[in-house]
C-alpha atoms as a PDB file:
ATOM      1  CA  MET A   1      -0.018   0.007  -0.008  1.00  0.00           C
ATOM      2  CA  VAL A   2       1.474   3.347  -0.955  1.00  0.00           C
ATOM      3  CA  GLN A   3       1.875   5.996   1.687  1.00  0.00           C
ATOM      4  CA  GLU A   4      -0.810   8.349   0.213  1.00  0.00           C
ATOM      5  CA  GLU A   5      -3.423   5.561   0.149  1.00  0.00           C
ATOM      6  CA  LYS A   6      -2.522   4.617   3.707  1.00  0.00           C
ATOM      7  CA  GLN A   7      -2.899   8.162   4.920  1.00  0.00           C
ATOM      8  CA  LYS A   8      -6.321   8.463   3.320  1.00  0.00           C
ATOM      9  CA  LEU A   9      -7.523   5.153   4.809  1.00  0.00           C
ATOM     10  CA  GLU A  10      -6.116   6.108   8.228  1.00  0.00           C
ATOM     11  CA  ALA A  11      -7.970   9.455   8.133  1.00  0.00           C
ATOM     12  CA  LYS A  12     -11.223   7.623   7.305  1.00  0.00           C
ATOM     13  CA  VAL A  13     -10.711   5.040  10.100  1.00  0.00           C
ATOM     14  CA  LYS A  14      -9.962   7.763  12.611  1.00  0.00           C
ATOM     15  CA  GLU A  15     -13.133   9.636  11.566  1.00  0.00           C
ATOM     16  CA  ILE A  16     -15.281   6.559  12.067  1.00  0.00           C
ATOM     17  CA  ILE A  17     -13.651   5.785  15.480  1.00  0.00           C
ATOM     18  CA  GLU A  18     -14.278   9.393  16.533  1.00  0.00           C
ATOM     19  CA  GLN A  19     -17.977   8.934  15.689  1.00  0.00           C
ATOM     20  CA  LEU A  20     -18.159   5.746  17.768  1.00  0.00           C
ATOM     21  CA  ARG A  21     -16.339   7.135  20.798  1.00  0.00           C
ATOM     22  CA  GLY A  22     -19.482   8.802  22.187  1.00  0.00           C
ATOM     23  CA  TYR A  23     -21.238   5.428  22.514  1.00  0.00           C
ATOM     24  CA  LEU A  24     -18.305   3.879  24.324  1.00  0.00           C
ATOM     25  CA  GLN A  25     -17.823   6.916  26.538  1.00  0.00           C
ATOM     26  CA  ALA A  26     -21.492   6.755  27.590  1.00  0.00           C
ATOM     27  CA  ASP A  27     -20.760   3.316  29.112  1.00  0.00           C
ATOM     28  CA  GLY A  28     -17.542   4.457  30.832  1.00  0.00           C
ATOM     29  CA  GLY A  29     -15.189   3.293  28.115  1.00  0.00           C
ATOM     30  CA  ASP A  30     -13.221   4.723  25.226  1.00  0.00           C
ATOM     31  CA  ILE A  31     -11.267   3.717  22.169  1.00  0.00           C
ATOM     32  CA  GLN A  32      -7.999   5.012  20.756  1.00  0.00           C
ATOM     33  CA  PHE A  33      -6.614   4.465  17.267  1.00  0.00           C
ATOM     34  CA  VAL A  34      -3.117   2.875  17.420  1.00  0.00           C
ATOM     35  CA  GLU A  35      -2.148   1.825  13.919  1.00  0.00           C
ATOM     36  CA  LEU A  36      -3.140   0.873  10.424  1.00  0.00           C
ATOM     37  CA  THR A  37      -0.843  -1.722   8.952  1.00  0.00           C
ATOM     38  CA  ASP A  38       0.133  -2.164   5.332  1.00  0.00           C
ATOM     39  CA  GLU A  39      -2.019  -5.338   5.375  1.00  0.00           C
ATOM     40  CA  LYS A  40      -5.031  -3.110   6.174  1.00  0.00           C
ATOM     41  CA  VAL A  41      -5.466  -4.283   9.757  1.00  0.00           C
ATOM     42  CA  VAL A  42      -6.518  -1.599  12.234  1.00  0.00           C
ATOM     43  CA  TYR A  43      -5.193  -1.731  15.777  1.00  0.00           C
ATOM     44  CA  VAL A  44      -7.009   0.049  18.552  1.00  0.00           C
ATOM     45  CA  GLN A  45      -6.775   0.259  22.311  1.00  0.00           C
ATOM     46  CA  LEU A  46      -9.890  -0.121  24.342  1.00  0.00           C
ATOM     47  CA  GLN A  47      -9.830   1.978  27.503  1.00  0.00           C
ATOM     48  CA  GLY A  48     -11.798   2.503  30.649  1.00  0.00           C
ATOM     49  CA  HIS A  49     -14.559  -0.035  31.255  1.00  0.00           C
ATOM     50  CA  CYS A  50     -14.118  -1.310  27.660  1.00  0.00           C
ATOM     51  CA  GLY A  51     -10.590  -2.448  28.525  1.00  0.00           C
ATOM     52  CA  SER A  52     -11.819  -4.895  31.163  1.00  0.00           C
ATOM     53  CA  CYS A  53     -15.397  -5.583  30.038  1.00  0.00           C
ATOM     54  CA  PRO A  54     -16.230  -9.235  29.289  1.00  0.00           C
ATOM     55  CA  HIS A  55     -18.172  -8.028  26.250  1.00  0.00           C
ATOM     56  CA  ALA A  56     -15.266  -6.024  24.826  1.00  0.00           C
ATOM     57  CA  LEU A  57     -14.564  -8.507  22.034  1.00  0.00           C
ATOM     58  CA  ILE A  58     -18.193  -8.385  20.934  1.00  0.00           C
ATOM     59  CA  THR A  59     -18.108  -4.576  20.999  1.00  0.00           C
ATOM     60  CA  LEU A  60     -14.891  -4.606  18.995  1.00  0.00           C
ATOM     61  CA  LYS A  61     -15.990  -7.111  16.340  1.00  0.00           C
ATOM     62  CA  GLN A  62     -19.718  -6.485  15.965  1.00  0.00           C
ATOM     63  CA  GLY A  63     -19.589  -2.775  16.725  1.00  0.00           C
ATOM     64  CA  VAL A  64     -16.310  -1.097  15.825  1.00  0.00           C
ATOM     65  CA  GLU A  65     -15.111  -3.532  13.151  1.00  0.00           C
ATOM     66  CA  ALA A  66     -18.536  -3.770  11.501  1.00  0.00           C
ATOM     67  CA  ALA A  67     -18.889   0.014  11.344  1.00  0.00           C
ATOM     68  CA  ILE A  68     -15.409   0.488   9.865  1.00  0.00           C
ATOM     69  CA  LYS A  69     -15.799  -2.329   7.317  1.00  0.00           C
ATOM     70  CA  GLU A  70     -19.186  -0.990   6.269  1.00  0.00           C
ATOM     71  CA  GLU A  71     -17.615   2.326   5.281  1.00  0.00           C
ATOM     72  CA  ILE A  72     -14.191   0.942   4.219  1.00  0.00           C
ATOM     73  CA  PRO A  73     -14.634  -2.606   2.902  1.00  0.00           C
ATOM     74  CA  GLU A  74     -10.958  -2.995   2.104  1.00  0.00           C
ATOM     75  CA  ILE A  75     -10.110  -3.054   5.837  1.00  0.00           C
ATOM     76  CA  VAL A  76      -9.311  -6.707   6.750  1.00  0.00           C
ATOM     77  CA  SER A  77      -9.967  -6.598  10.505  1.00  0.00           C
ATOM     78  CA  VAL A  78      -9.891  -4.490  13.648  1.00  0.00           C
ATOM     79  CA  GLU A  79      -7.840  -5.847  16.541  1.00  0.00           C
ATOM     80  CA  ARG A  80      -7.079  -4.601  20.030  1.00  0.00           C
ATOM     81  CA  VAL A  81      -3.637  -4.210  21.526  1.00  0.00           C
END
């Protein structure tokens, strides 16, 4: 992936994450973008209650990943660090 394409994808991912933050913050959690790899895998850090919640994986995959892939289908997955 060329640098310009990566920067555009990263900006889109960050925009979607920013839109989702309010929902997580309402439940005492938060999310922070960490990295977009050349393989189009997004890494995020779940914070607050989301970091220790037993439902965090469901939130990550069915919430965050689904929202990102809906807008940016070329993203392979969203993983937490």
